[in-house]
């Protein structure tokens, strides 16, 4: 179980969420309790039947409360604050907070915030933040890049040219996310998010040149903070035997299991004269077409079969 205090929420995310702390400042150490397989959402719109740890109050929620009879109104407010799991309340859309709500927050020491954002934006932001806090993590050796909008992890033994390939890709307009030891987090049962764990995603080590700052060299567009991992490219030293065993039609494709998720992997032989940057770009485009249901080898075989059938019919 992960413990995330209201103080951490406000200090680290107030700017992104445009939070203003209106009442309940004495509840600063109240904590959101996060569990990996928690069924009840940690944050959601005003709900008295299945209460959330963080209750979001927007236009419709305030309108509902205002339409209640006076006794029912005060009963709903009391019921909201009697929830033992309540950590904080956020009034969104820049709405004015009813005085009763503010006074009760001070009395019960429940942090009450306001935000200029919509409820959907606040909920989505907090869900993503909480998912990252409890996500399963792993660090892999390689260079993680955004190539043509796809998260690609370049792997391979030392000396296969991973960093040189990354540098050439950056020079061709692609974006560096993390060099050498990117960290990956399992965000959902089917998605993995990759980033640079220390926030030093601008740096790339190239043998003979040392540490390079690709952001300073190529501009802000040369780096990206994070990306979902969609494809793995494994660089391998080429040998005549290795090259002869590669499927000439389908290429060398496979799957690699990372944190219980099977990800597509392409193995590229490294040899003098091979333009790896062009090959990797082509591999990404080819994989994108495959994801859309198109396979060039299948079309090639189909056309060849049709041609042979026409020749036999003559």
C-alpha atoms as a PDB file:
ATOM      1  CA  UNK A   1       0.000   0.000   0.000  1.00  0.00           C
ATOM      2  CA  UNK A   2       1.286   3.476  -0.945  1.00  0.00           C
ATOM      3  CA  UNK A   3       0.584   6.508   1.240  1.00  0.00           C
ATOM      4  CA  UNK A   4       0.235   9.884  -0.518  1.00  0.00           C
ATOM      5  CA  UNK A   5      -0.431  12.886   1.721  1.00  0.00           C
ATOM      6  CA  UNK A   6      -2.500  15.958   0.916  1.00  0.00           C
ATOM      7  CA  UNK A   7       0.619  18.025   1.538  1.00  0.00           C
ATOM      8  CA  UNK A   8       2.455  16.124  -1.235  1.00  0.00           C
ATOM      9  CA  UNK A   9      -0.529  16.556  -3.512  1.00  0.00           C
ATOM     10  CA  UNK A  10      -0.586  20.315  -3.025  1.00  0.00           C
ATOM     11  CA  UNK A  11       3.192  20.880  -3.128  1.00  0.00           C
ATOM     12  CA  UNK A  12       3.813  18.776  -6.233  1.00  0.00           C
ATOM     13  CA  UNK A  13       0.643  19.261  -8.265  1.00  0.00           C
ATOM     14  CA  UNK A  14      -0.975  22.566  -7.272  1.00  0.00           C
ATOM     15  CA  UNK A  15       0.300  24.367 -10.370  1.00  0.00           C
ATOM     16  CA  UNK A  16      -0.821  21.683 -12.809  1.00  0.00           C
ATOM     17  CA  UNK A  17      -4.254  21.472 -11.185  1.00  0.00           C
ATOM     18  CA  UNK A  18      -4.553  25.244 -10.464  1.00  0.00           C
ATOM     19  CA  UNK A  19      -5.326  24.366  -6.847  1.00  0.00           C
ATOM     20  CA  UNK A  20      -6.136  26.979  -4.197  1.00  0.00           C
ATOM     21  CA  UNK A  21      -6.348  25.775  -0.591  1.00  0.00           C
ATOM     22  CA  UNK A  22      -9.569  27.290   0.718  1.00  0.00           C
ATOM     23  CA  UNK A  23     -10.208  25.520   4.044  1.00  0.00           C
ATOM     24  CA  UNK A  24      -9.215  22.580   6.237  1.00  0.00           C
ATOM     25  CA  UNK A  25      -5.504  23.435   6.384  1.00  0.00           C
ATOM     26  CA  UNK A  26      -5.140  21.491   9.650  1.00  0.00           C
ATOM     27  CA  UNK A  27      -5.748  18.262   7.731  1.00  0.00           C
ATOM     28  CA  UNK A  28      -2.468  18.618   5.857  1.00  0.00           C
ATOM     29  CA  UNK A  29      -1.244  15.137   6.860  1.00  0.00           C
ATOM     30  CA  UNK A  30      -4.346  13.294   5.703  1.00  0.00           C
ATOM     31  CA  UNK A  31      -3.262  10.631   3.223  1.00  0.00           C
ATOM     32  CA  UNK A  32      -4.669   8.877   0.204  1.00  0.00           C
ATOM     33  CA  UNK A  33      -4.115   5.115   0.522  1.00  0.00           C
ATOM     34  CA  UNK A  34      -3.300   3.532  -2.828  1.00  0.00           C
ATOM     35  CA  UNK A  35      -3.490  -0.178  -3.508  1.00  0.00           C
ATOM     36  CA  UNK A  36      -2.557  -1.810  -6.851  1.00  0.00           C
ATOM     37  CA  UNK A  37      -5.846  -3.689  -7.275  1.00  0.00           C
ATOM     38  CA  UNK A  38      -8.209  -1.353  -5.484  1.00  0.00           C
ATOM     39  CA  UNK A  39     -11.750  -1.728  -6.841  1.00  0.00           C
ATOM     40  CA  UNK A  40     -13.083   1.630  -5.636  1.00  0.00           C
ATOM     41  CA  UNK A  41     -11.732   4.650  -7.461  1.00  0.00           C
ATOM     42  CA  UNK A  42      -9.631   6.958  -5.296  1.00  0.00           C
ATOM     43  CA  UNK A  43     -11.107  10.058  -6.872  1.00  0.00           C
ATOM     44  CA  UNK A  44     -14.487  10.814  -8.436  1.00  0.00           C
ATOM     45  CA  UNK A  45     -17.533  13.055  -8.482  1.00  0.00           C
ATOM     46  CA  UNK A  46     -19.577  13.696  -5.338  1.00  0.00           C
ATOM     47  CA  UNK A  47     -20.918  10.324  -4.207  1.00  0.00           C
ATOM     48  CA  UNK A  48     -22.474   9.503  -0.822  1.00  0.00           C
ATOM     49  CA  UNK A  49     -23.265   5.842  -1.549  1.00  0.00           C
ATOM     50  CA  UNK A  50     -19.802   4.784  -2.736  1.00  0.00           C
ATOM     51  CA  UNK A  51     -17.650   7.618  -1.365  1.00  0.00           C
ATOM     52  CA  UNK A  52     -14.260   8.385  -2.841  1.00  0.00           C
ATOM     53  CA  UNK A  53     -11.163   9.431  -0.928  1.00  0.00           C
ATOM     54  CA  UNK A  54     -11.131  12.621  -2.992  1.00  0.00           C
ATOM     55  CA  UNK A  55     -14.581  14.000  -3.784  1.00  0.00           C
ATOM     56  CA  UNK A  56     -14.956  16.249  -6.826  1.00  0.00           C
ATOM     57  CA  UNK A  57     -17.768  18.827  -6.784  1.00  0.00           C
ATOM     58  CA  UNK A  58     -18.696  20.534 -10.032  1.00  0.00           C
ATOM     59  CA  UNK A  59     -21.586  22.474 -11.536  1.00  0.00           C
ATOM     60  CA  UNK A  60     -24.098  19.614 -11.448  1.00  0.00           C
ATOM     61  CA  UNK A  61     -23.136  18.524  -7.926  1.00  0.00           C
ATOM     62  CA  UNK A  62     -23.572  22.050  -6.552  1.00  0.00           C
ATOM     63  CA  UNK A  63     -26.848  22.424  -8.427  1.00  0.00           C
ATOM     64  CA  UNK A  64     -28.075  19.151  -6.903  1.00  0.00           C
ATOM     65  CA  UNK A  65     -27.210  20.304  -3.381  1.00  0.00           C
ATOM     66  CA  UNK A  66     -28.904  23.670  -3.896  1.00  0.00           C
ATOM     67  CA  UNK A  67     -32.124  21.986  -5.053  1.00  0.00           C
ATOM     68  CA  UNK A  68     -32.415  19.969  -1.832  1.00  0.00           C
ATOM     69  CA  UNK A  69     -34.670  21.009   1.016  1.00  0.00           C
ATOM     70  CA  UNK A  70     -32.779  22.660   3.866  1.00  0.00           C
ATOM     71  CA  UNK A  71     -32.818  19.563   6.112  1.00  0.00           C
ATOM     72  CA  UNK A  72     -31.803  17.240   3.281  1.00  0.00           C
ATOM     73  CA  UNK A  73     -29.062  19.701   2.289  1.00  0.00           C
ATOM     74  CA  UNK A  74     -27.488  19.755   5.764  1.00  0.00           C
ATOM     75  CA  UNK A  75     -27.855  15.979   6.044  1.00  0.00           C
ATOM     76  CA  UNK A  76     -25.953  15.506   2.742  1.00  0.00           C
ATOM     77  CA  UNK A  77     -23.188  17.835   3.882  1.00  0.00           C
ATOM     78  CA  UNK A  78     -22.859  15.969   7.185  1.00  0.00           C
ATOM     79  CA  UNK A  79     -22.883  12.614   5.406  1.00  0.00           C
ATOM     80  CA  UNK A  80     -20.133  13.809   3.071  1.00  0.00           C
ATOM     81  CA  UNK A  81     -17.825  14.682   5.965  1.00  0.00           C
ATOM     82  CA  UNK A  82     -18.735  11.621   8.061  1.00  0.00           C
ATOM     83  CA  UNK A  83     -17.017   9.387   5.513  1.00  0.00           C
ATOM     84  CA  UNK A  84     -14.021   7.979   7.412  1.00  0.00           C
ATOM     85  CA  UNK A  85     -12.023   7.565   4.179  1.00  0.00           C
ATOM     86  CA  UNK A  86     -12.494  11.164   3.015  1.00  0.00           C
ATOM     87  CA  UNK A  87      -9.138  12.829   2.425  1.00  0.00           C
ATOM     88  CA  UNK A  88     -10.040  16.035   0.597  1.00  0.00           C
ATOM     89  CA  UNK A  89     -12.644  17.825  -1.487  1.00  0.00           C
ATOM     90  CA  UNK A  90     -11.982  19.716  -4.727  1.00  0.00           C
ATOM     91  CA  UNK A  91     -14.508  22.190  -6.109  1.00  0.00           C
ATOM     92  CA  UNK A  92     -13.807  22.513  -9.825  1.00  0.00           C
ATOM     93  CA  UNK A  93     -14.653  24.821 -12.741  1.00  0.00           C
ATOM     94  CA  UNK A  94     -13.679  27.883 -10.665  1.00  0.00           C
ATOM     95  CA  UNK A  95     -17.012  27.756  -8.818  1.00  0.00           C
ATOM     96  CA  UNK A  96     -17.772  29.652  -5.638  1.00  0.00           C
ATOM     97  CA  UNK A  97     -17.754  27.399  -2.575  1.00  0.00           C
ATOM     98  CA  UNK A  98     -20.816  27.449  -0.297  1.00  0.00           C
ATOM     99  CA  UNK A  99     -19.988  28.820   3.149  1.00  0.00           C
ATOM    100  CA  UNK A 100     -21.475  25.739   4.835  1.00  0.00           C
ATOM    101  CA  UNK A 101     -19.048  23.507   2.947  1.00  0.00           C
ATOM    102  CA  UNK A 102     -16.074  25.676   3.844  1.00  0.00           C
ATOM    103  CA  UNK A 103     -17.012  25.878   7.536  1.00  0.00           C
ATOM    104  CA  UNK A 104     -17.533  22.115   7.777  1.00  0.00           C
ATOM    105  CA  UNK A 105     -14.132  21.508   6.132  1.00  0.00           C
ATOM    106  CA  UNK A 106     -12.477  23.649   8.813  1.00  0.00           C
ATOM    107  CA  UNK A 107     -14.407  21.952  11.616  1.00  0.00           C
ATOM    108  CA  UNK A 108     -13.633  18.424  10.396  1.00  0.00           C
ATOM    109  CA  UNK A 109     -10.084  19.344   9.283  1.00  0.00           C
ATOM    110  CA  UNK A 110     -10.730  18.107   5.741  1.00  0.00           C
ATOM    111  CA  UNK A 111      -8.640  19.953   3.121  1.00  0.00           C
ATOM    112  CA  UNK A 112     -10.910  21.828   0.716  1.00  0.00           C
ATOM    113  CA  UNK A 113      -9.447  23.005  -2.603  1.00  0.00           C
ATOM    114  CA  UNK A 114     -10.744  24.899  -5.582  1.00  0.00           C
ATOM    115  CA  UNK A 115      -9.566  24.424  -9.158  1.00  0.00           C
ATOM    116  CA  UNK A 116     -10.119  26.304 -12.397  1.00  0.00           C
ATOM    117  CA  UNK A 117     -10.007  23.041 -14.358  1.00  0.00           C
ATOM    118  CA  UNK A 118     -12.996  20.895 -15.263  1.00  0.00           C
ATOM    119  CA  UNK A 119     -13.850  17.884 -13.156  1.00  0.00           C
ATOM    120  CA  UNK A 120     -12.904  15.497 -15.972  1.00  0.00           C
ATOM    121  CA  UNK A 121      -9.439  17.033 -16.273  1.00  0.00           C
ATOM    122  CA  UNK A 122      -8.828  16.900 -12.522  1.00  0.00           C
ATOM    123  CA  UNK A 123     -10.001  13.274 -12.267  1.00  0.00           C
ATOM    124  CA  UNK A 124      -7.949  12.138 -15.273  1.00  0.00           C
ATOM    125  CA  UNK A 125      -4.846  13.910 -13.949  1.00  0.00           C
ATOM    126  CA  UNK A 126      -5.168  12.359 -10.492  1.00  0.00           C
ATOM    127  CA  UNK A 127      -5.903   8.881 -11.855  1.00  0.00           C
ATOM    128  CA  UNK A 128      -2.736   9.070 -13.970  1.00  0.00           C
ATOM    129  CA  UNK A 129      -0.703  10.381 -11.025  1.00  0.00           C
ATOM    130  CA  UNK A 130      -1.928   7.612  -8.715  1.00  0.00           C
ATOM    131  CA  UNK A 131      -1.354   4.944 -11.366  1.00  0.00           C
ATOM    132  CA  UNK A 132       2.274   6.010 -11.646  1.00  0.00           C
ATOM    133  CA  UNK A 133       2.756   5.881  -7.881  1.00  0.00           C
ATOM    134  CA  UNK A 134       1.627   2.266  -7.599  1.00  0.00           C
ATOM    135  CA  UNK A 135       2.810   0.985 -10.983  1.00  0.00           C
ATOM    136  CA  UNK A 136       5.137  -2.001 -11.264  1.00  0.00           C
ATOM    137  CA  UNK A 137       8.528  -0.742 -12.503  1.00  0.00           C
ATOM    138  CA  UNK A 138      11.539  -2.153 -14.292  1.00  0.00           C
ATOM    139  CA  UNK A 139      14.764  -0.649 -15.661  1.00  0.00           C
ATOM    140  CA  UNK A 140      16.061  -1.995 -18.975  1.00  0.00           C
ATOM    141  CA  UNK A 141      19.386  -1.464 -20.728  1.00  0.00           C
ATOM    142  CA  UNK A 142      18.958   0.390 -23.999  1.00  0.00           C
ATOM    143  CA  UNK A 143      17.962   3.680 -25.596  1.00  0.00           C
ATOM    144  CA  UNK A 144      14.298   4.654 -25.549  1.00  0.00           C
ATOM    145  CA  UNK A 145      13.110   6.925 -28.357  1.00  0.00           C
ATOM    146  CA  UNK A 146      10.054   8.411 -29.981  1.00  0.00           C
ATOM    147  CA  UNK A 147      10.378   7.399 -33.629  1.00  0.00           C
ATOM    148  CA  UNK A 148       7.615   8.569 -35.950  1.00  0.00           C
ATOM    149  CA  UNK A 149       5.322   8.910 -32.955  1.00  0.00           C
ATOM    150  CA  UNK A 150       5.979   5.373 -31.681  1.00  0.00           C
ATOM    151  CA  UNK A 151       7.829   4.478 -28.475  1.00  0.00           C
ATOM    152  CA  UNK A 152      10.797   2.327 -29.537  1.00  0.00           C
ATOM    153  CA  UNK A 153      13.345   0.688 -27.225  1.00  0.00           C
ATOM    154  CA  UNK A 154      16.694   0.059 -28.926  1.00  0.00           C
ATOM    155  CA  UNK A 155      18.506  -2.826 -27.247  1.00  0.00           C
ATOM    156  CA  UNK A 156      21.673  -4.775 -27.961  1.00  0.00           C
ATOM    157  CA  UNK A 157      25.030  -5.863 -26.609  1.00  0.00           C
ATOM    158  CA  UNK A 158      27.765  -3.341 -25.916  1.00  0.00           C
ATOM    159  CA  UNK A 159      29.367  -2.146 -29.139  1.00  0.00           C
ATOM    160  CA  UNK A 160      26.383  -2.709 -31.429  1.00  0.00           C
ATOM    161  CA  UNK A 161      25.977   1.048 -31.925  1.00  0.00           C
ATOM    162  CA  UNK A 162      22.829   1.849 -29.937  1.00  0.00           C
ATOM    163  CA  UNK A 163      23.937   5.376 -28.991  1.00  0.00           C
ATOM    164  CA  UNK A 164      25.276   6.169 -32.475  1.00  0.00           C
ATOM    165  CA  UNK A 165      21.977   5.018 -33.960  1.00  0.00           C
ATOM    166  CA  UNK A 166      20.068   7.148 -31.450  1.00  0.00           C
ATOM    167  CA  UNK A 167      22.182  10.190 -32.329  1.00  0.00           C
ATOM    168  CA  UNK A 168      21.525   9.724 -36.035  1.00  0.00           C
ATOM    169  CA  UNK A 169      17.804   9.327 -35.389  1.00  0.00           C
ATOM    170  CA  UNK A 170      17.757  12.563 -33.365  1.00  0.00           C
ATOM    171  CA  UNK A 171      19.534  14.328 -36.232  1.00  0.00           C
ATOM    172  CA  UNK A 172      16.761  13.057 -38.525  1.00  0.00           C
ATOM    173  CA  UNK A 173      14.052  14.681 -36.379  1.00  0.00           C
ATOM    174  CA  UNK A 174      13.153  11.910 -33.927  1.00  0.00           C
ATOM    175  CA  UNK A 175      13.145  12.382 -30.161  1.00  0.00           C
ATOM    176  CA  UNK A 176      15.258  10.991 -27.335  1.00  0.00           C
ATOM    177  CA  UNK A 177      13.445   9.891 -24.165  1.00  0.00           C
ATOM    178  CA  UNK A 178      16.119   8.069 -22.161  1.00  0.00           C
ATOM    179  CA  UNK A 179      19.626   6.739 -22.746  1.00  0.00           C
ATOM    180  CA  UNK A 180      21.238   3.654 -21.209  1.00  0.00           C
ATOM    181  CA  UNK A 181      18.749   2.885 -18.398  1.00  0.00           C
ATOM    182  CA  UNK A 182      15.156   3.921 -19.184  1.00  0.00           C
ATOM    183  CA  UNK A 183      12.573   3.115 -16.535  1.00  0.00           C
ATOM    184  CA  UNK A 184       9.309   1.466 -17.529  1.00  0.00           C
ATOM    185  CA  UNK A 185       6.076   1.421 -15.528  1.00  0.00           C
ATOM    186  CA  UNK A 186       3.151  -0.931 -16.072  1.00  0.00           C
ATOM    187  CA  UNK A 187       0.269   1.540 -16.188  1.00  0.00           C
ATOM    188  CA  UNK A 188      -2.502  -0.897 -17.165  1.00  0.00           C
ATOM    189  CA  UNK A 189      -2.600  -4.667 -17.830  1.00  0.00           C
ATOM    190  CA  UNK A 190      -1.694  -3.935 -21.461  1.00  0.00           C
ATOM    191  CA  UNK A 191       0.362  -0.725 -21.476  1.00  0.00           C
ATOM    192  CA  UNK A 192       3.902   0.174 -20.396  1.00  0.00           C
ATOM    193  CA  UNK A 193       5.076   3.772 -20.032  1.00  0.00           C
ATOM    194  CA  UNK A 194       8.769   4.590 -20.403  1.00  0.00           C
ATOM    195  CA  UNK A 195      10.697   7.620 -19.142  1.00  0.00           C
ATOM    196  CA  UNK A 196      14.081   8.758 -17.863  1.00  0.00           C
ATOM    197  CA  UNK A 197      14.072   8.069 -14.097  1.00  0.00           C
ATOM    198  CA  UNK A 198      16.267  11.029 -13.119  1.00  0.00           C
ATOM    199  CA  UNK A 199      14.801  13.564 -15.523  1.00  0.00           C
ATOM    200  CA  UNK A 200      18.043  13.704 -17.535  1.00  0.00           C
ATOM    201  CA  UNK A 201      16.457  12.753 -20.837  1.00  0.00           C
ATOM    202  CA  UNK A 202      18.474  15.338 -22.776  1.00  0.00           C
ATOM    203  CA  UNK A 203      21.782  13.494 -22.307  1.00  0.00           C
ATOM    204  CA  UNK A 204      23.240  10.844 -24.579  1.00  0.00           C
ATOM    205  CA  UNK A 205      26.629   9.131 -24.184  1.00  0.00           C
ATOM    206  CA  UNK A 206      28.465   8.455 -27.450  1.00  0.00           C
ATOM    207  CA  UNK A 207      31.856   6.785 -27.503  1.00  0.00           C
ATOM    208  CA  UNK A 208      34.564   9.177 -28.585  1.00  0.00           C
ATOM    209  CA  UNK A 209      32.390  12.232 -27.977  1.00  0.00           C
ATOM    210  CA  UNK A 210      31.428  11.665 -24.343  1.00  0.00           C
ATOM    211  CA  UNK A 211      28.203  13.034 -22.895  1.00  0.00           C
ATOM    212  CA  UNK A 212      26.113  15.083 -25.321  1.00  0.00           C
ATOM    213  CA  UNK A 213      23.146  17.317 -24.545  1.00  0.00           C
ATOM    214  CA  UNK A 214      20.917  16.685 -27.558  1.00  0.00           C
ATOM    215  CA  UNK A 215      18.477  19.383 -26.452  1.00  0.00           C
ATOM    216  CA  UNK A 216      21.249  21.986 -26.576  1.00  0.00           C
ATOM    217  CA  UNK A 217      22.531  20.581 -29.882  1.00  0.00           C
ATOM    218  CA  UNK A 218      19.256  20.074 -31.748  1.00  0.00           C
ATOM    219  CA  UNK A 219      16.653  22.112 -29.855  1.00  0.00           C
ATOM    220  CA  UNK A 220      13.724  21.378 -27.566  1.00  0.00           C
ATOM    221  CA  UNK A 221      12.030  19.161 -30.151  1.00  0.00           C
ATOM    222  CA  UNK A 222      14.884  16.625 -29.841  1.00  0.00           C
ATOM    223  CA  UNK A 223      13.650  15.262 -26.513  1.00  0.00           C
ATOM    224  CA  UNK A 224      10.432  13.909 -25.063  1.00  0.00           C
ATOM    225  CA  UNK A 225       9.516  13.304 -21.427  1.00  0.00           C
ATOM    226  CA  UNK A 226       7.774   9.935 -21.756  1.00  0.00           C
ATOM    227  CA  UNK A 227       6.110   7.585 -24.201  1.00  0.00           C
ATOM    228  CA  UNK A 228       4.262   4.285 -24.209  1.00  0.00           C
ATOM    229  CA  UNK A 229       6.488   1.380 -25.263  1.00  0.00           C
ATOM    230  CA  UNK A 230       5.165  -0.144 -28.496  1.00  0.00           C
ATOM    231  CA  UNK A 231       8.165  -1.772 -30.177  1.00  0.00           C
ATOM    232  CA  UNK A 232      11.552  -3.256 -29.279  1.00  0.00           C
ATOM    233  CA  UNK A 233      14.437  -3.277 -31.764  1.00  0.00           C
ATOM    234  CA  UNK A 234      17.266  -5.656 -30.870  1.00  0.00           C
ATOM    235  CA  UNK A 235      20.614  -4.926 -32.561  1.00  0.00           C
ATOM    236  CA  UNK A 236      22.746  -8.036 -33.116  1.00  0.00           C
ATOM    237  CA  UNK A 237      26.205  -8.573 -34.510  1.00  0.00           C
ATOM    238  CA  UNK A 238      25.786 -10.129 -37.954  1.00  0.00           C
ATOM    239  CA  UNK A 239      27.447 -13.338 -39.108  1.00  0.00           C
ATOM    240  CA  UNK A 240      27.030 -15.219 -42.363  1.00  0.00           C
ATOM    241  CA  UNK A 241      25.228 -18.036 -40.542  1.00  0.00           C
ATOM    242  CA  UNK A 242      22.971 -15.578 -38.739  1.00  0.00           C
ATOM    243  CA  UNK A 243      22.071 -13.775 -41.973  1.00  0.00           C
ATOM    244  CA  UNK A 244      21.348 -17.054 -43.807  1.00  0.00           C
ATOM    245  CA  UNK A 245      18.870 -18.127 -41.132  1.00  0.00           C
ATOM    246  CA  UNK A 246      16.706 -15.002 -41.355  1.00  0.00           C
ATOM    247  CA  UNK A 247      13.303 -15.447 -43.006  1.00  0.00           C
ATOM    248  CA  UNK A 248      13.685 -13.561 -46.280  1.00  0.00           C
ATOM    249  CA  UNK A 249       9.949 -12.904 -46.564  1.00  0.00           C
ATOM    250  CA  UNK A 250       8.763 -12.123 -43.050  1.00  0.00           C
ATOM    251  CA  UNK A 251      12.005 -10.847 -41.512  1.00  0.00           C
ATOM    252  CA  UNK A 252      13.152 -11.578 -37.972  1.00  0.00           C
ATOM    253  CA  UNK A 253      10.182 -10.801 -35.730  1.00  0.00           C
ATOM    254  CA  UNK A 254       9.251 -12.105 -32.320  1.00  0.00           C
ATOM    255  CA  UNK A 255       7.812 -11.211 -28.932  1.00  0.00           C
ATOM    256  CA  UNK A 256       9.507 -10.154 -25.698  1.00  0.00           C
ATOM    257  CA  UNK A 257       7.681 -10.420 -22.386  1.00  0.00           C
ATOM    258  CA  UNK A 258       8.106  -7.415 -20.107  1.00  0.00           C
ATOM    259  CA  UNK A 259       6.212  -7.367 -16.816  1.00  0.00           C
ATOM    260  CA  UNK A 260       3.699  -9.883 -18.151  1.00  0.00           C
ATOM    261  CA  UNK A 261       3.048  -8.045 -21.430  1.00  0.00           C
ATOM    262  CA  UNK A 262       4.141  -9.472 -24.789  1.00  0.00           C
ATOM    263  CA  UNK A 263       5.678  -6.719 -26.911  1.00  0.00           C
ATOM    264  CA  UNK A 264       6.692  -7.021 -30.577  1.00  0.00           C
ATOM    265  CA  UNK A 265      10.430  -7.280 -31.167  1.00  0.00           C
ATOM    266  CA  UNK A 266      12.414  -6.863 -34.375  1.00  0.00           C
ATOM    267  CA  UNK A 267      15.986  -8.173 -34.560  1.00  0.00           C
ATOM    268  CA  UNK A 268      18.257  -6.158 -36.846  1.00  0.00           C
ATOM    269  CA  UNK A 269      21.672  -7.540 -37.800  1.00  0.00           C
ATOM    270  CA  UNK A 270      24.491  -4.971 -37.549  1.00  0.00           C
ATOM    271  CA  UNK A 271      27.024  -5.059 -40.377  1.00  0.00           C
ATOM    272  CA  UNK A 272      29.282  -2.583 -42.240  1.00  0.00           C
ATOM    273  CA  UNK A 273      27.373  -0.595 -44.848  1.00  0.00           C
ATOM    274  CA  UNK A 274      23.933  -1.107 -43.326  1.00  0.00           C
ATOM    275  CA  UNK A 275      22.112   2.185 -42.691  1.00  0.00           C
ATOM    276  CA  UNK A 276      20.525   1.342 -39.355  1.00  0.00           C
ATOM    277  CA  UNK A 277      18.671   4.653 -39.051  1.00  0.00           C
ATOM    278  CA  UNK A 278      16.838   4.065 -42.335  1.00  0.00           C
ATOM    279  CA  UNK A 279      16.234   0.428 -41.435  1.00  0.00           C
ATOM    280  CA  UNK A 280      14.785   1.337 -38.042  1.00  0.00           C
ATOM    281  CA  UNK A 281      12.526   4.020 -39.520  1.00  0.00           C
ATOM    282  CA  UNK A 282      11.324   1.498 -42.070  1.00  0.00           C
ATOM    283  CA  UNK A 283      10.815  -1.102 -39.326  1.00  0.00           C
ATOM    284  CA  UNK A 284       8.593   1.337 -37.415  1.00  0.00           C
ATOM    285  CA  UNK A 285       6.549   2.175 -40.521  1.00  0.00           C
ATOM    286  CA  UNK A 286       6.282  -1.518 -41.411  1.00  0.00           C
ATOM    287  CA  UNK A 287       5.161  -2.409 -37.886  1.00  0.00           C
ATOM    288  CA  UNK A 288       2.579   0.389 -37.984  1.00  0.00           C
ATOM    289  CA  UNK A 289       1.151  -1.071 -41.204  1.00  0.00           C
ATOM    290  CA  UNK A 290       1.037  -4.514 -39.618  1.00  0.00           C
ATOM    291  CA  UNK A 291      -0.932  -3.106 -36.693  1.00  0.00           C
ATOM    292  CA  UNK A 292      -3.418  -1.777 -39.252  1.00  0.00           C
ATOM    293  CA  UNK A 293      -3.756  -5.251 -40.764  1.00  0.00           C
ATOM    294  CA  UNK A 294      -1.462  -4.935 -43.797  1.00  0.00           C
ATOM    295  CA  UNK A 295       1.418  -7.368 -44.408  1.00  0.00           C
ATOM    296  CA  UNK A 296       3.624  -6.736 -47.446  1.00  0.00           C
ATOM    297  CA  UNK A 297       4.904 -10.340 -47.514  1.00  0.00           C
ATOM    298  CA  UNK A 298       1.355 -11.689 -47.621  1.00  0.00           C
ATOM    299  CA  UNK A 299       0.458  -9.368 -50.496  1.00  0.00           C
ATOM    300  CA  UNK A 300       3.656 -10.306 -52.342  1.00  0.00           C
ATOM    301  CA  UNK A 301       2.926 -14.033 -51.960  1.00  0.00           C
ATOM    302  CA  UNK A 302      -0.657 -13.512 -53.060  1.00  0.00           C
ATOM    303  CA  UNK A 303       0.358 -11.642 -56.219  1.00  0.00           C
ATOM    304  CA  UNK A 304       3.019 -14.248 -57.009  1.00  0.00           C
ATOM    305  CA  UNK A 305       0.461 -17.033 -56.570  1.00  0.00           C
ATOM    306  CA  UNK A 306      -1.961 -15.276 -58.919  1.00  0.00           C
ATOM    307  CA  UNK A 307       0.780 -14.813 -61.525  1.00  0.00           C
ATOM    308  CA  UNK A 308       1.701 -18.507 -61.358  1.00  0.00           C
ATOM    309  CA  UNK A 309      -1.938 -19.531 -61.703  1.00  0.00           C
ATOM    310  CA  UNK A 310      -2.310 -17.338 -64.803  1.00  0.00           C
ATOM    311  CA  UNK A 311       0.813 -18.879 -66.334  1.00  0.00           C
ATOM    312  CA  UNK A 312      -0.474 -22.407 -65.644  1.00  0.00           C
ATOM    313  CA  UNK A 313      -3.864 -21.613 -67.184  1.00  0.00           C
ATOM    314  CA  UNK A 314      -2.298 -20.555 -70.504  1.00  0.00           C
END
